[in-house]
Each structure stands twice: as C-alpha cells, then as structure tokens.
Amino acid sequence: MRRAVTRSVAFAVLGAVLLSSLTADAAQASTQVLAIASSVGQVFDNIRNWLVGILAGLATVFLTIGGVRYLMAGGDPGEVEKAKQSFKSAGWGYGLAALAPLVVEILRGIVGA
C-alpha cells in the first residue's frame, strides 16, 4: 500500500514537471519586458521608491520586534533596554526613509538628469 502511494505521488510530480516544462515555452514566447525605464529621471524615481519602501519596511519590522520585546519583557531591565534599542533603530529607519527622496534628488543633481 505504501509503495503504491509513493509510486503514484512520483508519477504525479513527474507529470507536473513535464506539463510545466511544456507550458513554460509558450508562456515565455508571449512575455513582455515591463521594467525598461524610458528616461533617466524615471530610473531615479524608481530608485527613490525602492529605497523608501525597503527602509520603511525594515523600520516597521524593528518597530514590531521592539513592541513584542517590550510586551514580553515582564519587567526584565535587559529586555526592556533591547526593546528601546529596537525602537531607536525603527526611528532611524523611518528617518532615513523620509530622507531618501532628498538623497536621490542630490544624486540626480550630480548626474545632471
């Protein structure tokens, strides 16, 4: 019984791999590249958007970790200090995310775009 189940799972996986390899060629033939920027200004806008998104996302992670640590500290001064450090890191992350457009504008001015 166990061998029959293993064999049927193996055939199902093999069939899925074959099916996906057959359909992948057809899907690749009709794809369009959408990531081409039409100007240097658009590249800088994309860089700004990515920087703000990544920095704000990381800051949110640190804020969440700090909040969880603070709630779970139970009065332990070491854990409370670690939570406060996470809050400070989140603040730095949000500050850098707010300054990212300025940094990109400075780079745009240096490049001359």
PDB file of N, CA and C in Angstrom:
ATOM      1  N   MET A   1       0.816  -1.183   0.000  1.00  0.00           N
ATOM      2  CA  MET A   1       0.000   0.000   0.000  1.00  0.00           C
ATOM      3  C   MET A   1       0.863   1.251   0.000  1.00  0.00           C
ATOM      4  N   ARG A   2       1.871   1.265   0.868  1.00  0.00           N
ATOM      5  CA  ARG A   2       2.748   2.424   0.981  1.00  0.00           C
ATOM      6  C   ARG A   2       3.537   2.627  -0.312  1.00  0.00           C
ATOM      7  N   ARG A   3       3.978   1.557  -0.914  1.00  0.00           N
ATOM      8  CA  ARG A   3       4.736   1.638  -2.152  1.00  0.00           C
ATOM      9  C   ARG A   3       3.861   2.174  -3.282  1.00  0.00           C
ATOM     10  N   ALA A   4       2.590   1.793  -3.306  1.00  0.00           N
ATOM     11  CA  ALA A   4       1.683   2.273  -4.343  1.00  0.00           C
ATOM     12  C   ALA A   4       1.441   3.772  -4.204  1.00  0.00           C
ATOM     13  N   VAL A   5       1.327   4.262  -2.985  1.00  0.00           N
ATOM     14  CA  VAL A   5       1.128   5.693  -2.760  1.00  0.00           C
ATOM     15  C   VAL A   5       2.371   6.466  -3.183  1.00  0.00           C
ATOM     16  N   THR A   6       3.536   5.954  -2.828  1.00  0.00           N
ATOM     17  CA  THR A   6       4.782   6.602  -3.207  1.00  0.00           C
ATOM     18  C   THR A   6       4.929   6.643  -4.720  1.00  0.00           C
ATOM     19  N   ARG A   7       4.591   5.553  -5.376  1.00  0.00           N
ATOM     20  CA  ARG A   7       4.692   5.486  -6.828  1.00  0.00           C
ATOM     21  C   ARG A   7       3.722   6.466  -7.485  1.00  0.00           C
ATOM     22  N   SER A   8       2.495   6.561  -6.976  1.00  0.00           N
ATOM     23  CA  SER A   8       1.522   7.477  -7.572  1.00  0.00           C
ATOM     24  C   SER A   8       1.920   8.930  -7.350  1.00  0.00           C
ATOM     25  N   VAL A   9       2.504   9.239  -6.200  1.00  0.00           N
ATOM     26  CA  VAL A   9       2.985  10.594  -5.952  1.00  0.00           C
ATOM     27  C   VAL A   9       4.139  10.921  -6.891  1.00  0.00           C
ATOM     28  N   ALA A  10       5.027   9.962  -7.109  1.00  0.00           N
ATOM     29  CA  ALA A  10       6.151  10.177  -8.014  1.00  0.00           C
ATOM     30  C   ALA A  10       5.661  10.429  -9.436  1.00  0.00           C
ATOM     31  N   PHE A  11       4.664   9.671  -9.890  1.00  0.00           N
ATOM     32  CA  PHE A  11       4.112   9.893 -11.224  1.00  0.00           C
ATOM     33  C   PHE A  11       3.406  11.243 -11.317  1.00  0.00           C
ATOM     34  N   ALA A  12       2.751  11.650 -10.267  1.00  0.00           N
ATOM     35  CA  ALA A  12       2.065  12.944 -10.272  1.00  0.00           C
ATOM     36  C   ALA A  12       3.075  14.082 -10.353  1.00  0.00           C
ATOM     37  N   VAL A  13       4.170  13.979  -9.610  1.00  0.00           N
ATOM     38  CA  VAL A  13       5.215  15.003  -9.656  1.00  0.00           C
ATOM     39  C   VAL A  13       5.866  15.026 -11.030  1.00  0.00           C
ATOM     40  N   LEU A  14       6.151  13.861 -11.591  1.00  0.00           N
ATOM     41  CA  LEU A  14       6.743  13.795 -12.922  1.00  0.00           C
ATOM     42  C   LEU A  14       5.813  14.411 -13.962  1.00  0.00           C
ATOM     43  N   GLY A  15       4.536  14.121 -13.856  1.00  0.00           N
ATOM     44  CA  GLY A  15       3.570  14.705 -14.782  1.00  0.00           C
ATOM     45  C   GLY A  15       3.489  16.214 -14.647  1.00  0.00           C
ATOM     46  N   ALA A  16       3.546  16.721 -13.424  1.00  0.00           N
ATOM     47  CA  ALA A  16       3.505  18.172 -13.217  1.00  0.00           C
ATOM     48  C   ALA A  16       4.740  18.846 -13.778  1.00  0.00           C
ATOM     49  N   VAL A  17       5.900  18.212 -13.611  1.00  0.00           N
ATOM     50  CA  VAL A  17       7.133  18.778 -14.150  1.00  0.00           C
ATOM     51  C   VAL A  17       7.088  18.801 -15.674  1.00  0.00           C
ATOM     52  N   LEU A  18       6.640  17.723 -16.278  1.00  0.00           N
ATOM     53  CA  LEU A  18       6.544  17.682 -17.735  1.00  0.00           C
ATOM     54  C   LEU A  18       5.545  18.701 -18.256  1.00  0.00           C
ATOM     55  N   LEU A  19       4.414  18.821 -17.596  1.00  0.00           N
ATOM     56  CA  LEU A  19       3.401  19.777 -18.010  1.00  0.00           C
ATOM     57  C   LEU A  19       3.904  21.208 -17.879  1.00  0.00           C
ATOM     58  N   SER A  20       4.600  21.502 -16.794  1.00  0.00           N
ATOM     59  CA  SER A  20       5.104  22.862 -16.615  1.00  0.00           C
ATOM     60  C   SER A  20       6.210  23.186 -17.602  1.00  0.00           C
ATOM     61  N   SER A  21       7.022  22.197 -17.968  1.00  0.00           N
ATOM     62  CA  SER A  21       8.074  22.466 -18.951  1.00  0.00           C
ATOM     63  C   SER A  21       7.489  22.673 -20.339  1.00  0.00           C
ATOM     64  N   LEU A  22       6.395  22.026 -20.632  1.00  0.00           N
ATOM     65  CA  LEU A  22       5.756  22.219 -21.936  1.00  0.00           C
ATOM     66  C   LEU A  22       5.060  23.571 -22.011  1.00  0.00           C
ATOM     67  N   THR A  23       4.450  24.003 -20.931  1.00  0.00           N
ATOM     68  CA  THR A  23       3.737  25.283 -20.958  1.00  0.00           C
ATOM     69  C   THR A  23       4.661  26.461 -20.735  1.00  0.00           C
ATOM     70  N   ALA A  24       5.847  26.243 -20.194  1.00  0.00           N
ATOM     71  CA  ALA A  24       6.762  27.346 -19.942  1.00  0.00           C
ATOM     72  C   ALA A  24       7.258  27.955 -21.247  1.00  0.00           C
ATOM     73  N   ASP A  25       7.492  27.144 -22.262  1.00  0.00           N
ATOM     74  CA  ASP A  25       7.957  27.670 -23.534  1.00  0.00           C
ATOM     75  C   ASP A  25       6.914  28.575 -24.166  1.00  0.00           C
ATOM     76  N   ALA A  26       5.666  28.200 -24.099  1.00  0.00           N
ATOM     77  CA  ALA A  26       4.605  29.020 -24.669  1.00  0.00           C
ATOM     78  C   ALA A  26       4.437  30.310 -23.872  1.00  0.00           C
ATOM     79  N   ALA A  27       4.618  30.245 -22.566  1.00  0.00           N
ATOM     80  CA  ALA A  27       4.458  31.438 -21.745  1.00  0.00           C
ATOM     81  C   ALA A  27       5.618  32.400 -21.959  1.00  0.00           C
ATOM     82  N   GLN A  28       6.817  31.892 -22.161  1.00  0.00           N
ATOM     83  CA  GLN A  28       7.964  32.752 -22.372  1.00  0.00           C
ATOM     84  C   GLN A  28       7.897  33.465 -23.711  1.00  0.00           C
ATOM     85  N   ALA A  29       7.278  32.871 -24.680  1.00  0.00           N
ATOM     86  CA  ALA A  29       7.212  33.477 -26.001  1.00  0.00           C
ATOM     87  C   ALA A  29       6.320  34.713 -26.002  1.00  0.00           C
ATOM     88  N   SER A  30       5.360  34.805 -25.088  1.00  0.00           N
ATOM     89  CA  SER A  30       4.426  35.915 -25.105  1.00  0.00           C
ATOM     90  C   SER A  30       4.687  36.951 -24.014  1.00  0.00           C
ATOM     91  N   THR A  31       5.782  36.838 -23.278  1.00  0.00           N
ATOM     92  CA  THR A  31       6.045  37.802 -22.214  1.00  0.00           C
ATOM     93  C   THR A  31       6.606  39.096 -22.782  1.00  0.00           C
ATOM     94  N   GLN A  32       6.312  40.179 -22.092  1.00  0.00           N
ATOM     95  CA  GLN A  32       6.827  41.481 -22.461  1.00  0.00           C
ATOM     96  C   GLN A  32       7.651  42.018 -21.308  1.00  0.00           C
ATOM     97  N   VAL A  33       8.700  42.735 -21.629  1.00  0.00           N
ATOM     98  CA  VAL A  33       9.533  43.331 -20.606  1.00  0.00           C
ATOM     99  C   VAL A  33       8.905  44.655 -20.209  1.00  0.00           C
ATOM    100  N   LEU A  34       8.549  44.775 -18.945  1.00  0.00           N
ATOM    101  CA  LEU A  34       7.904  45.981 -18.461  1.00  0.00           C
ATOM    102  C   LEU A  34       8.816  46.813 -17.575  1.00  0.00           C
ATOM    103  N   ALA A  35      10.039  46.371 -17.369  1.00  0.00           N
ATOM    104  CA  ALA A  35      10.934  47.042 -16.443  1.00  0.00           C
ATOM    105  C   ALA A  35      11.866  48.034 -17.131  1.00  0.00           C
ATOM    106  N   ILE A  36      11.665  48.300 -18.400  1.00  0.00           N
ATOM    107  CA  ILE A  36      12.538  49.220 -19.103  1.00  0.00           C
ATOM    108  C   ILE A  36      12.101  50.645 -18.793  1.00  0.00           C
ATOM    109  N   ALA A  37      13.036  51.440 -18.305  1.00  0.00           N
ATOM    110  CA  ALA A  37      12.740  52.833 -17.995  1.00  0.00           C
ATOM    111  C   ALA A  37      12.910  53.665 -19.259  1.00  0.00           C
ATOM    112  N   SER A  38      12.024  54.628 -19.448  1.00  0.00           N
ATOM    113  CA  SER A  38      12.076  55.440 -20.658  1.00  0.00           C
ATOM    114  C   SER A  38      13.003  56.637 -20.523  1.00  0.00           C
ATOM    115  N   SER A  39      13.393  56.971 -19.286  1.00  0.00           N
ATOM    116  CA  SER A  39      14.298  58.104 -19.096  1.00  0.00           C
ATOM    117  C   SER A  39      15.119  57.892 -17.825  1.00  0.00           C
ATOM    118  N   VAL A  40      16.158  58.702 -17.689  1.00  0.00           N
ATOM    119  CA  VAL A  40      16.998  58.627 -16.501  1.00  0.00           C
ATOM    120  C   VAL A  40      16.210  59.109 -15.280  1.00  0.00           C
ATOM    121  N   GLY A  41      15.338  60.079 -15.476  1.00  0.00           N
ATOM    122  CA  GLY A  41      14.504  60.557 -14.375  1.00  0.00           C
ATOM    123  C   GLY A  41      13.616  59.469 -13.813  1.00  0.00           C
ATOM    124  N   GLN A  42      13.108  58.627 -14.699  1.00  0.00           N
ATOM    125  CA  GLN A  42      12.277  57.518 -14.245  1.00  0.00           C
ATOM    126  C   GLN A  42      13.103  56.505 -13.459  1.00  0.00           C
ATOM    127  N   VAL A  43      14.351  56.315 -13.843  1.00  0.00           N
ATOM    128  CA  VAL A  43      15.238  55.419 -13.089  1.00  0.00           C
ATOM    129  C   VAL A  43      15.438  55.953 -11.675  1.00  0.00           C
ATOM    130  N   PHE A  44      15.680  57.263 -11.559  1.00  0.00           N
ATOM    131  CA  PHE A  44      15.849  57.850 -10.235  1.00  0.00           C
ATOM    132  C   PHE A  44      14.559  57.780  -9.416  1.00  0.00           C
ATOM    133  N   ASP A  45      13.428  57.949 -10.060  1.00  0.00           N
ATOM    134  CA  ASP A  45      12.157  57.798  -9.347  1.00  0.00           C
ATOM    135  C   ASP A  45      11.985  56.373  -8.836  1.00  0.00           C
ATOM    136  N   ASN A  46      12.356  55.401  -9.655  1.00  0.00           N
ATOM    137  CA  ASN A  46      12.273  54.004  -9.229  1.00  0.00           C
ATOM    138  C   ASN A  46      13.219  53.719  -8.061  1.00  0.00           C
ATOM    139  N   ILE A  47      14.428  54.281  -8.140  1.00  0.00           N
ATOM    140  CA  ILE A  47      15.392  54.095  -7.046  1.00  0.00           C
ATOM    141  C   ILE A  47      14.833  54.693  -5.757  1.00  0.00           C
ATOM    142  N   ARG A  48      14.260  55.898  -5.856  1.00  0.00           N
ATOM    143  CA  ARG A  48      13.670  56.541  -4.681  1.00  0.00           C
ATOM    144  C   ARG A  48      12.559  55.688  -4.090  1.00  0.00           C
ATOM    145  N   ASN A  49      11.685  55.189  -4.940  1.00  0.00           N
ATOM    146  CA  ASN A  49      10.570  54.379  -4.452  1.00  0.00           C
ATOM    147  C   ASN A  49      11.053  53.099  -3.774  1.00  0.00           C
ATOM    148  N   TRP A  50      12.054  52.452  -4.354  1.00  0.00           N
ATOM    149  CA  TRP A  50      12.591  51.233  -3.753  1.00  0.00           C
ATOM    150  C   TRP A  50      13.261  51.524  -2.414  1.00  0.00           C
ATOM    151  N   LEU A  51      14.042  52.612  -2.358  1.00  0.00           N
ATOM    152  CA  LEU A  51      14.711  52.951  -1.099  1.00  0.00           C
ATOM    153  C   LEU A  51      13.705  53.231   0.009  1.00  0.00           C
ATOM    154  N   VAL A  52      12.703  54.040  -0.306  1.00  0.00           N
ATOM    155  CA  VAL A  52      11.697  54.363   0.705  1.00  0.00           C
ATOM    156  C   VAL A  52      10.971  53.095   1.147  1.00  0.00           C
ATOM    157  N   GLY A  53      10.611  52.240   0.213  1.00  0.00           N
ATOM    158  CA  GLY A  53       9.901  51.014   0.558  1.00  0.00           C
ATOM    159  C   GLY A  53      10.711  50.068   1.416  1.00  0.00           C
ATOM    160  N   ILE A  54      11.959  49.863   1.045  1.00  0.00           N
ATOM    161  CA  ILE A  54      12.817  48.942   1.803  1.00  0.00           C
ATOM    162  C   ILE A  54      13.098  49.491   3.197  1.00  0.00           C
ATOM    163  N   LEU A  55      13.447  50.783   3.275  1.00  0.00           N
ATOM    164  CA  LEU A  55      13.761  51.365   4.588  1.00  0.00           C
ATOM    165  C   LEU A  55      12.542  51.407   5.495  1.00  0.00           C
ATOM    166  N   ALA A  56      11.396  51.783   4.959  1.00  0.00           N
ATOM    167  CA  ALA A  56      10.186  51.820   5.785  1.00  0.00           C
ATOM    168  C   ALA A  56       9.773  50.408   6.206  1.00  0.00           C
ATOM    169  N   GLY A  57       9.954  49.442   5.323  1.00  0.00           N
ATOM    170  CA  GLY A  57       9.633  48.054   5.680  1.00  0.00           C
ATOM    171  C   GLY A  57      10.522  47.532   6.792  1.00  0.00           C
ATOM    172  N   LEU A  58      11.822  47.792   6.685  1.00  0.00           N
ATOM    173  CA  LEU A  58      12.735  47.353   7.747  1.00  0.00           C
ATOM    174  C   LEU A  58      12.450  48.074   9.061  1.00  0.00           C
ATOM    175  N   ALA A  59      12.140  49.368   8.976  1.00  0.00           N
ATOM    176  CA  ALA A  59      11.815  50.102  10.195  1.00  0.00           C
ATOM    177  C   ALA A  59      10.556  49.543  10.845  1.00  0.00           C
ATOM    178  N   THR A  60       9.592  49.143  10.048  1.00  0.00           N
ATOM    179  CA  THR A  60       8.371  48.560  10.599  1.00  0.00           C
ATOM    180  C   THR A  60       8.665  47.223  11.270  1.00  0.00           C
ATOM    181  N   VAL A  61       9.564  46.452  10.692  1.00  0.00           N
ATOM    182  CA  VAL A  61       9.959  45.189  11.318  1.00  0.00           C
ATOM    183  C   VAL A  61      10.616  45.453  12.673  1.00  0.00           C
ATOM    184  N   PHE A  62      11.519  46.432  12.731  1.00  0.00           N
ATOM    185  CA  PHE A  62      12.169  46.743  14.003  1.00  0.00           C
ATOM    186  C   PHE A  62      11.171  47.285  15.026  1.00  0.00           C
ATOM    187  N   LEU A  63      10.202  48.083  14.566  1.00  0.00           N
ATOM    188  CA  LEU A  63       9.180  48.588  15.473  1.00  0.00           C
ATOM    189  C   LEU A  63       8.339  47.441  16.035  1.00  0.00           C
ATOM    190  N   THR A  64       8.013  46.491  15.186  1.00  0.00           N
ATOM    191  CA  THR A  64       7.238  45.336  15.635  1.00  0.00           C
ATOM    192  C   THR A  64       8.034  44.490  16.623  1.00  0.00           C
ATOM    193  N   ILE A  65       9.284  44.247  16.315  1.00  0.00           N
ATOM    194  CA  ILE A  65      10.138  43.461  17.217  1.00  0.00           C
ATOM    195  C   ILE A  65      10.284  44.170  18.558  1.00  0.00           C
ATOM    196  N   GLY A  66      10.473  45.485  18.519  1.00  0.00           N
ATOM    197  CA  GLY A  66      10.589  46.244  19.762  1.00  0.00           C
ATOM    198  C   GLY A  66       9.317  46.176  20.593  1.00  0.00           C
ATOM    199  N   GLY A  67       8.175  46.272  19.916  1.00  0.00           N
ATOM    200  CA  GLY A  67       6.913  46.184  20.637  1.00  0.00           C
ATOM    201  C   GLY A  67       6.700  44.829  21.278  1.00  0.00           C
ATOM    202  N   VAL A  68       7.024  43.785  20.557  1.00  0.00           N
ATOM    203  CA  VAL A  68       6.879  42.430  21.100  1.00  0.00           C
ATOM    204  C   VAL A  68       7.844  42.222  22.259  1.00  0.00           C
ATOM    205  N   ARG A  69       9.067  42.695  22.111  1.00  0.00           N
ATOM    206  CA  ARG A  69      10.036  42.553  23.206  1.00  0.00           C
ATOM    207  C   ARG A  69       9.584  43.319  24.446  1.00  0.00           C
ATOM    208  N   TYR A  70       9.029  44.506  24.224  1.00  0.00           N
ATOM    209  CA  TYR A  70       8.578  45.307  25.352  1.00  0.00           C
ATOM    210  C   TYR A  70       7.415  44.643  26.071  1.00  0.00           C
ATOM    211  N   LEU A  71       6.502  44.076  25.286  1.00  0.00           N
ATOM    212  CA  LEU A  71       5.366  43.392  25.903  1.00  0.00           C
ATOM    213  C   LEU A  71       5.782  42.115  26.627  1.00  0.00           C
ATOM    214  N   MET A  72       6.769  41.421  26.094  1.00  0.00           N
ATOM    215  CA  MET A  72       7.184  40.146  26.669  1.00  0.00           C
ATOM    216  C   MET A  72       8.285  40.297  27.727  1.00  0.00           C
ATOM    217  N   ALA A  73       8.734  41.530  27.980  1.00  0.00           N
ATOM    218  CA  ALA A  73       9.859  41.743  28.895  1.00  0.00           C
ATOM    219  C   ALA A  73       9.519  41.323  30.319  1.00  0.00           C
ATOM    220  N   GLY A  74       8.310  41.568  30.745  1.00  0.00           N
ATOM    221  CA  GLY A  74       7.920  41.165  32.099  1.00  0.00           C
ATOM    222  C   GLY A  74       8.714  41.865  33.183  1.00  0.00           C
ATOM    223  N   GLY A  75       9.169  43.095  32.914  1.00  0.00           N
ATOM    224  CA  GLY A  75       9.913  43.844  33.917  1.00  0.00           C
ATOM    225  C   GLY A  75      11.405  43.605  33.900  1.00  0.00           C
ATOM    226  N   ASP A  76      11.901  42.737  33.040  1.00  0.00           N
ATOM    227  CA  ASP A  76      13.332  42.474  32.954  1.00  0.00           C
ATOM    228  C   ASP A  76      14.023  43.693  32.328  1.00  0.00           C
ATOM    229  N   PRO A  77      14.925  44.339  33.062  1.00  0.00           N
ATOM    230  CA  PRO A  77      15.550  45.560  32.538  1.00  0.00           C
ATOM    231  C   PRO A  77      16.364  45.334  31.259  1.00  0.00           C
ATOM    232  N   GLY A  78      16.974  44.183  31.116  1.00  0.00           N
ATOM    233  CA  GLY A  78      17.750  43.884  29.912  1.00  0.00           C
ATOM    234  C   GLY A  78      16.872  43.802  28.670  1.00  0.00           C
ATOM    235  N   GLU A  79      15.733  43.146  28.824  1.00  0.00           N
ATOM    236  CA  GLU A  79      14.806  43.031  27.684  1.00  0.00           C
ATOM    237  C   GLU A  79      14.160  44.368  27.348  1.00  0.00           C
ATOM    238  N   VAL A  80      13.865  45.170  28.377  1.00  0.00           N
ATOM    239  CA  VAL A  80      13.296  46.496  28.130  1.00  0.00           C
ATOM    240  C   VAL A  80      14.298  47.358  27.379  1.00  0.00           C
ATOM    241  N   GLU A  81      15.574  47.241  27.733  1.00  0.00           N
ATOM    242  CA  GLU A  81      16.620  48.001  27.039  1.00  0.00           C
ATOM    243  C   GLU A  81      16.757  47.552  25.584  1.00  0.00           C
ATOM    244  N   LYS A  82      16.653  46.254  25.347  1.00  0.00           N
ATOM    245  CA  LYS A  82      16.696  45.755  23.968  1.00  0.00           C
ATOM    246  C   LYS A  82      15.501  46.259  23.165  1.00  0.00           C
ATOM    247  N   ALA A  83      14.337  46.323  23.812  1.00  0.00           N
ATOM    248  CA  ALA A  83      13.139  46.837  23.138  1.00  0.00           C
ATOM    249  C   ALA A  83      13.321  48.313  22.792  1.00  0.00           C
ATOM    250  N   LYS A  84      13.876  49.084  23.714  1.00  0.00           N
ATOM    251  CA  LYS A  84      14.112  50.501  23.451  1.00  0.00           C
ATOM    252  C   LYS A  84      15.115  50.691  22.315  1.00  0.00           C
ATOM    253  N   GLN A  85      16.119  49.824  22.261  1.00  0.00           N
ATOM    254  CA  GLN A  85      17.091  49.898  21.168  1.00  0.00           C
ATOM    255  C   GLN A  85      16.419  49.588  19.836  1.00  0.00           C
ATOM    256  N   SER A  86      15.484  48.652  19.822  1.00  0.00           N
ATOM    257  CA  SER A  86      14.738  48.357  18.600  1.00  0.00           C
ATOM    258  C   SER A  86      13.878  49.543  18.185  1.00  0.00           C
ATOM    259  N   PHE A  87      13.287  50.243  19.170  1.00  0.00           N
ATOM    260  CA  PHE A  87      12.504  51.444  18.862  1.00  0.00           C
ATOM    261  C   PHE A  87      13.386  52.532  18.268  1.00  0.00           C
ATOM    262  N   LYS A  88      14.600  52.675  18.808  1.00  0.00           N
ATOM    263  CA  LYS A  88      15.536  53.669  18.267  1.00  0.00           C
ATOM    264  C   LYS A  88      15.931  53.307  16.834  1.00  0.00           C
ATOM    265  N   SER A  89      16.171  52.024  16.594  1.00  0.00           N
ATOM    266  CA  SER A  89      16.513  51.585  15.238  1.00  0.00           C
ATOM    267  C   SER A  89      15.368  51.837  14.270  1.00  0.00           C
ATOM    268  N   ALA A  90      14.140  51.621  14.728  1.00  0.00           N
ATOM    269  CA  ALA A  90      12.975  51.899  13.888  1.00  0.00           C
ATOM    270  C   ALA A  90      12.892  53.387  13.581  1.00  0.00           C
ATOM    271  N   GLY A  91      13.171  54.221  14.563  1.00  0.00           N
ATOM    272  CA  GLY A  91      13.174  55.667  14.337  1.00  0.00           C
ATOM    273  C   GLY A  91      14.200  56.080  13.311  1.00  0.00           C
ATOM    274  N   TRP A  92      15.407  55.508  13.412  1.00  0.00           N
ATOM    275  CA  TRP A  92      16.438  55.780  12.409  1.00  0.00           C
ATOM    276  C   TRP A  92      15.998  55.325  11.023  1.00  0.00           C
ATOM    277  N   GLY A  93      15.364  54.176  10.971  1.00  0.00           N
ATOM    278  CA  GLY A  93      14.897  53.666   9.676  1.00  0.00           C
ATOM    279  C   GLY A  93      13.846  54.556   9.049  1.00  0.00           C
ATOM    280  N   TYR A  94      12.880  55.018   9.859  1.00  0.00           N
ATOM    281  CA  TYR A  94      11.859  55.923   9.327  1.00  0.00           C
ATOM    282  C   TYR A  94      12.467  57.266   8.935  1.00  0.00           C
ATOM    283  N   GLY A  95      13.450  57.725   9.706  1.00  0.00           N
ATOM    284  CA  GLY A  95      14.137  58.970   9.354  1.00  0.00           C
ATOM    285  C   GLY A  95      14.870  58.862   8.031  1.00  0.00           C
ATOM    286  N   LEU A  96      15.574  57.751   7.839  1.00  0.00           N
ATOM    287  CA  LEU A  96      16.280  57.547   6.569  1.00  0.00           C
ATOM    288  C   LEU A  96      15.308  57.380   5.406  1.00  0.00           C
ATOM    289  N   ALA A  97      14.184  56.739   5.663  1.00  0.00           N
ATOM    290  CA  ALA A  97      13.175  56.596   4.611  1.00  0.00           C
ATOM    291  C   ALA A  97      12.622  57.959   4.218  1.00  0.00           C
ATOM    292  N   ALA A  98      12.474  58.853   5.196  1.00  0.00           N
ATOM    293  CA  ALA A  98      11.989  60.202   4.890  1.00  0.00           C
ATOM    294  C   ALA A  98      13.037  61.013   4.132  1.00  0.00           C
ATOM    295  N   LEU A  99      14.319  60.727   4.378  1.00  0.00           N
ATOM    296  CA  LEU A  99      15.390  61.456   3.694  1.00  0.00           C
ATOM    297  C   LEU A  99      15.794  60.838   2.353  1.00  0.00           C
ATOM    298  N   ALA A 100      15.289  59.669   2.033  1.00  0.00           N
ATOM    299  CA  ALA A 100      15.670  59.011   0.780  1.00  0.00           C
ATOM    300  C   ALA A 100      15.352  59.859  -0.457  1.00  0.00           C
ATOM    301  N   PRO A 101      14.194  60.515  -0.534  1.00  0.00           N
ATOM    302  CA  PRO A 101      13.957  61.366  -1.711  1.00  0.00           C
ATOM    303  C   PRO A 101      14.976  62.497  -1.844  1.00  0.00           C
ATOM    304  N   LEU A 102      15.422  63.058  -0.713  1.00  0.00           N
ATOM    305  CA  LEU A 102      16.434  64.106  -0.762  1.00  0.00           C
ATOM    306  C   LEU A 102      17.753  63.576  -1.305  1.00  0.00           C
ATOM    307  N   VAL A 103      18.147  62.393  -0.856  1.00  0.00           N
ATOM    308  CA  VAL A 103      19.391  61.792  -1.324  1.00  0.00           C
ATOM    309  C   VAL A 103      19.316  61.513  -2.827  1.00  0.00           C
ATOM    310  N   VAL A 104      18.177  61.043  -3.295  1.00  0.00           N
ATOM    311  CA  VAL A 104      18.022  60.767  -4.727  1.00  0.00           C
ATOM    312  C   VAL A 104      18.039  62.071  -5.522  1.00  0.00           C
ATOM    313  N   GLU A 105      17.462  63.146  -4.985  1.00  0.00           N
ATOM    314  CA  GLU A 105      17.498  64.424  -5.677  1.00  0.00           C
ATOM    315  C   GLU A 105      18.935  64.945  -5.767  1.00  0.00           C
ATOM    316  N   ILE A 106      19.729  64.752  -4.709  1.00  0.00           N
ATOM    317  CA  ILE A 106      21.126  65.153  -4.751  1.00  0.00           C
ATOM    318  C   ILE A 106      21.865  64.358  -5.821  1.00  0.00           C
ATOM    319  N   LEU A 107      21.623  63.045  -5.879  1.00  0.00           N
ATOM    320  CA  LEU A 107      22.248  62.224  -6.913  1.00  0.00           C
ATOM    321  C   LEU A 107      21.792  62.661  -8.313  1.00  0.00           C
ATOM    322  N   ARG A 108      20.531  62.999  -8.429  1.00  0.00           N
ATOM    323  CA  ARG A 108      20.013  63.476  -9.722  1.00  0.00           C
ATOM    324  C   ARG A 108      20.717  64.754 -10.147  1.00  0.00           C
ATOM    325  N   GLY A 109      20.976  65.649  -9.171  1.00  0.00           N
ATOM    326  CA  GLY A 109      21.691  66.897  -9.470  1.00  0.00           C
ATOM    327  C   GLY A 109      23.134  66.641  -9.855  1.00  0.00           C
ATOM    328  N   ILE A 110      23.771  65.664  -9.214  1.00  0.00           N
ATOM    329  CA  ILE A 110      25.162  65.343  -9.545  1.00  0.00           C
ATOM    330  C   ILE A 110      25.256  64.760 -10.949  1.00  0.00           C
ATOM    331  N   VAL A 111      24.335  63.871 -11.263  1.00  0.00           N
ATOM    332  CA  VAL A 111      24.346  63.229 -12.581  1.00  0.00           C
ATOM    333  C   VAL A 111      23.899  64.212 -13.662  1.00  0.00           C
ATOM    334  N   GLY A 112      23.041  65.148 -13.304  1.00  0.00           N
ATOM    335  CA  GLY A 112      22.550  66.130 -14.268  1.00  0.00           C
ATOM    336  C   GLY A 112      21.305  65.679 -15.001  1.00  0.00           C
ATOM    337  N   ALA A 113      20.521  64.819 -14.357  1.00  0.00           N
ATOM    338  CA  ALA A 113      19.298  64.334 -15.016  1.00  0.00           C
ATOM    339  C   ALA A 113      18.120  65.196 -14.666  1.00  0.00           C
TER     340      ALA A 113
END
